[in-house]
């Protein structure tokens, strides 16, 4: 009889250990559920901040281009590629670029939109990113106006 009692106590101890493990797992899941959304939101804000900084850098590159080109900004058809490639013709002698080392992309690896002459910003040109959702024309767009 004594042997059966020991087996029973051993099983009871194993069952309690399993319950303890499940409790710890549940607590970890609750903590992860609270932390993960916060990290995702921080990454999204970091992407927005990085895109705003890139936009300011592009504005400066375009201003330097215009200074070198006697006040002329790249045409809409030349776009931001004009910051990396020398123009043809007489303007080539004035070009002191490249003004960007690589193709300008936002934090989501999408191209910035360049419009010249400006339609919205009150500056010589409009610059914008479609923002986190990648859809142009809504409130999460990031632009220079």
Protein backbone atom coordinates (compact mmCIF):
# COMPACT_ATOMS: atom_id res chain seq x y z
CA UNK A 1 0.00 0.00 0.00
CA UNK A 2 2.81 2.32 0.73
CA UNK A 3 4.06 2.14 -2.88
CA UNK A 4 0.73 3.30 -4.29
CA UNK A 5 0.72 6.34 -2.04
CA UNK A 6 4.16 7.38 -3.25
CA UNK A 7 3.11 7.03 -6.90
CA UNK A 8 0.01 9.10 -6.25
CA UNK A 9 2.03 11.90 -4.58
CA UNK A 10 4.55 11.87 -7.43
CA UNK A 11 1.77 12.29 -10.00
CA UNK A 12 0.24 15.11 -7.99
CA UNK A 13 3.58 16.94 -7.88
CA UNK A 14 4.00 16.56 -11.68
CA UNK A 15 0.54 17.93 -12.27
CA UNK A 16 1.25 20.99 -10.15
CA UNK A 17 4.47 21.57 -12.06
CA UNK A 18 2.54 21.50 -15.33
CA UNK A 19 0.06 24.02 -13.94
CA UNK A 20 2.92 26.26 -12.85
CA UNK A 21 4.47 26.08 -16.31
CA UNK A 22 1.15 26.94 -17.95
CA UNK A 23 0.74 29.87 -15.58
CA UNK A 24 4.21 31.20 -16.46
CA UNK A 25 3.48 30.81 -20.18
CA UNK A 26 0.19 32.67 -19.77
CA UNK A 27 1.93 35.52 -17.94
CA UNK A 28 4.59 35.74 -20.67
CA UNK A 29 1.89 35.87 -23.34
CA UNK A 30 0.14 38.73 -21.54
CA UNK A 31 3.42 40.65 -21.26
CA UNK A 32 4.24 40.01 -24.94
CA UNK A 33 0.75 41.15 -25.90
CA UNK A 34 1.36 44.45 -24.16
CA UNK A 35 4.92 45.02 -25.42
CA UNK A 36 4.74 43.95 -29.09
CA UNK A 37 2.17 46.56 -30.22
CA UNK A 38 4.24 49.26 -28.55
CA UNK A 39 7.34 48.14 -30.47
CA UNK A 40 5.41 48.08 -33.75
CA UNK A 41 4.16 51.64 -33.14
CA UNK A 42 7.68 52.80 -32.36
CA UNK A 43 9.01 51.30 -35.59
CA UNK A 44 6.27 53.01 -37.58
CA UNK A 45 7.07 56.36 -35.97
CA UNK A 46 10.78 55.81 -36.66
CA UNK A 47 9.94 55.24 -40.36
CA UNK A 48 7.88 58.44 -40.44
CA UNK A 49 10.70 60.40 -38.78
CA UNK A 50 13.30 58.95 -41.18
CA UNK A 51 11.13 59.88 -44.17
CA UNK A 52 10.69 63.45 -42.90
CA UNK A 53 14.47 63.76 -42.51
CA UNK A 54 15.02 62.36 -46.02
CA UNK A 55 12.50 64.85 -47.38
CA UNK A 56 14.42 67.74 -45.78
CA UNK A 57 17.66 66.38 -47.24
CA UNK A 58 16.07 66.22 -50.69
CA UNK A 59 14.90 69.81 -50.36
CA UNK A 60 18.49 70.85 -49.62
CA UNK A 61 19.84 68.82 -52.55
CA UNK A 62 17.30 70.46 -54.88
CA UNK A 63 18.25 73.92 -53.61
CA UNK A 64 21.94 73.21 -54.23
CA UNK A 65 21.09 71.98 -57.72
CA UNK A 66 19.18 75.20 -58.41
CA UNK A 67 22.06 77.34 -57.11
CA UNK A 68 24.43 75.59 -59.51
CA UNK A 69 21.94 75.81 -62.39
CA UNK A 70 21.34 79.57 -62.17
CA UNK A 71 18.11 79.17 -60.21
CA UNK A 72 16.58 76.42 -62.34
CA UNK A 73 15.17 73.35 -60.62
CA UNK A 74 14.95 69.98 -62.37
CA UNK A 75 11.98 69.73 -64.71
CA UNK A 76 9.15 67.41 -63.79
CA UNK A 77 10.28 65.03 -66.55
CA UNK A 78 13.90 65.02 -65.30
CA UNK A 79 12.66 64.58 -61.75
CA UNK A 80 14.89 63.59 -58.88
CA UNK A 81 17.17 61.65 -61.25
CA UNK A 82 18.64 65.06 -62.16
CA UNK A 83 20.25 65.07 -58.71
CA UNK A 84 22.36 62.05 -59.64
CA UNK A 85 22.97 62.47 -63.38
CA UNK A 86 24.50 65.46 -65.14
CA UNK A 87 22.23 67.20 -67.65
CA UNK A 88 23.00 67.41 -71.37
CA UNK A 89 23.79 70.64 -73.16
CA UNK A 90 25.00 73.93 -71.71
CA UNK A 91 23.61 73.15 -68.24
CA UNK A 92 26.15 70.31 -67.95
CA UNK A 93 28.96 72.83 -67.40
CA UNK A 94 27.17 74.24 -64.34
CA UNK A 95 26.36 70.86 -62.75
CA UNK A 96 28.42 70.11 -59.64
CA UNK A 97 26.69 66.93 -58.58
CA UNK A 98 25.85 64.34 -57.77
CA UNK A 99 23.63 65.93 -55.16
CA UNK A 100 22.40 62.49 -54.01
CA UNK A 101 24.48 59.31 -53.89
CA UNK A 102 21.59 57.00 -54.70
CA UNK A 103 17.97 57.07 -55.80
CA UNK A 104 15.98 58.83 -53.05
CA UNK A 105 13.52 56.46 -51.36
CA UNK A 106 11.34 56.84 -48.29
CA UNK A 107 11.61 54.52 -45.27
CA UNK A 108 9.23 52.04 -46.94
CA UNK A 109 11.56 51.83 -50.00
CA UNK A 110 9.18 53.78 -52.25
CA UNK A 111 10.12 56.69 -54.49
CA UNK A 112 9.37 60.25 -53.45
CA UNK A 113 7.04 62.20 -55.73
CA UNK A 114 8.55 65.37 -57.20
CA UNK A 115 6.37 68.03 -58.86
CA UNK A 116 7.80 71.12 -60.55
CA UNK A 117 6.48 73.74 -60.55
CA UNK A 118 4.83 73.32 -57.17
CA UNK A 119 1.10 72.87 -56.99
CA UNK A 120 0.62 72.87 -53.21
CA UNK A 121 3.67 73.80 -51.14
CA UNK A 122 4.19 77.46 -51.99
CA UNK A 123 7.82 76.50 -52.65
CA UNK A 124 9.32 76.08 -56.11
CA UNK A 125 8.58 72.32 -55.99
CA UNK A 126 6.42 69.78 -54.17
CA UNK A 127 7.94 66.69 -52.58
CA UNK A 128 5.91 63.91 -51.02
CA UNK A 129 5.89 60.32 -49.81
CA UNK A 130 2.78 58.16 -49.78
CA UNK A 131 3.55 57.37 -46.14
CA UNK A 132 3.01 54.13 -44.24
CA UNK A 133 0.06 52.84 -46.26
CA UNK A 134 1.55 53.58 -49.70
CA UNK A 135 -1.67 55.19 -50.93
CA UNK A 136 -1.34 58.74 -52.27
CA UNK A 137 -3.65 61.55 -51.25
CA UNK A 138 -4.63 60.62 -47.71
CA UNK A 139 -3.72 61.95 -44.28
CA UNK A 140 -0.70 59.73 -43.63
CA UNK A 141 1.20 61.17 -46.62
CA UNK A 142 4.43 62.98 -45.73
CA UNK A 143 5.19 66.11 -47.74
CA UNK A 144 6.94 69.49 -47.80
CA UNK A 145 3.79 71.60 -47.39
